[in-house]
Amino acid sequence: MVETIHTETQMVDQQTGESVHQDLRCFVLVVMSHGDEGSIVGSDGRHVKITDLTDLLSPKNFPEMKSKPKIVIIQACAGSK
């Protein structure tokens, strides 16, 4: 599921159709969902590991954002404890 999001989600200039990732100065992701320890639950009921989600922001997977601030806010349950 995360790979699907990664490959299908792109920011493009509406005029030129070119990627605009290189123009970004920071990245903010807010996720509000149900969860379990170490994962969040998608609208389809499938669990996604938080580390899989945040790994998408690594320089290897998102080189345009290397050395730029990234903020991830997750509002979800973390299990029954």
Protein backbone atom coordinates (compact mmCIF):
# COMPACT_ATOMS: atom_id res chain seq x y z
CA MET A 1 0.00 0.00 0.00
CA VAL A 2 2.73 2.48 0.91
CA GLU A 3 4.59 1.77 -2.34
CA THR A 4 1.37 2.50 -4.24
CA ILE A 5 1.02 5.86 -2.51
CA HIS A 6 4.66 6.67 -3.17
CA THR A 7 4.55 5.88 -6.87
CA GLU A 8 1.18 7.47 -7.55
CA THR A 9 1.57 10.70 -5.58
CA GLN A 10 3.47 13.50 -7.26
CA MET A 11 3.41 17.27 -7.09
CA VAL A 12 3.51 18.78 -10.56
CA ASP A 13 3.34 22.29 -11.95
CA GLN A 14 -0.13 22.69 -13.47
CA GLN A 15 1.26 24.71 -16.39
CA THR A 16 4.30 22.63 -17.35
CA GLY A 17 3.50 19.22 -15.86
CA GLU A 18 7.02 19.09 -14.37
CA SER A 19 7.80 17.83 -10.88
CA VAL A 20 8.07 20.61 -8.30
CA HIS A 21 9.71 18.61 -5.49
CA GLN A 22 13.00 20.45 -5.96
CA ASP A 23 11.24 23.74 -5.12
CA LEU A 24 9.94 22.50 -1.76
CA ARG A 25 11.49 23.97 1.38
CA CYS A 26 9.91 21.64 3.92
CA PHE A 27 7.50 18.72 4.09
CA VAL A 28 4.58 18.30 6.50
CA LEU A 29 2.49 15.13 6.77
CA VAL A 30 -0.52 14.87 9.07
CA VAL A 31 -2.19 11.48 9.52
CA MET A 32 -5.36 11.09 11.57
CA SER A 33 -6.58 7.52 11.80
CA HIS A 34 -7.05 4.52 14.00
CA GLY A 35 -3.91 2.67 14.94
CA ASP A 36 -2.19 -0.09 16.79
CA GLU A 37 1.26 -0.29 18.31
CA GLY A 38 3.68 0.81 15.57
CA SER A 39 1.09 1.06 12.79
CA ILE A 40 -1.85 3.05 11.51
CA VAL A 41 -4.97 1.66 9.92
CA GLY A 42 -5.99 2.82 6.46
CA SER A 43 -9.56 3.42 5.32
CA ASP A 44 -9.40 -0.03 3.73
CA GLY A 45 -8.66 -1.61 7.13
CA ARG A 46 -5.07 -2.54 6.26
CA HIS A 47 -2.29 -1.76 8.73
CA VAL A 48 0.67 0.34 7.57
CA LYS A 49 3.82 0.41 9.68
CA ILE A 50 4.74 3.92 10.74
CA THR A 51 8.37 3.18 9.87
CA ASP A 52 7.33 2.23 6.31
CA LEU A 53 5.59 5.56 6.00
CA THR A 54 8.45 7.62 7.41
CA ASP A 55 11.03 5.67 5.36
CA LEU A 56 9.45 7.22 2.27
CA LEU A 57 10.90 10.54 3.46
CA SER A 58 14.50 9.28 3.56
CA PRO A 59 17.09 10.82 1.21
CA LYS A 60 17.17 7.53 -0.70
CA ASN A 61 13.43 7.61 -1.42
CA PHE A 62 12.90 11.39 -1.52
CA PRO A 63 16.27 12.90 -2.57
CA GLU A 64 14.74 16.29 -3.36
CA MET A 65 14.08 16.75 0.36
CA LYS A 66 17.55 15.80 1.60
CA SER A 67 18.70 18.21 4.34
CA LYS A 68 15.27 19.88 4.45
CA PRO A 69 12.93 19.81 7.45
CA LYS A 70 10.28 17.13 7.55
CA ILE A 71 7.45 17.15 10.09
CA VAL A 72 5.25 14.08 10.60
CA ILE A 73 2.24 14.36 12.93
CA ILE A 74 0.30 11.18 13.63
CA GLN A 75 -2.92 11.23 15.65
CA ALA A 76 -3.88 7.60 16.18
CA CYS A 77 -4.37 5.04 18.91
CA ALA A 78 -1.28 3.07 19.85
CA GLY A 79 -2.94 -0.10 21.07
CA SER A 80 -4.89 -0.94 24.20
CA LYS A 81 -2.20 -0.08 26.76
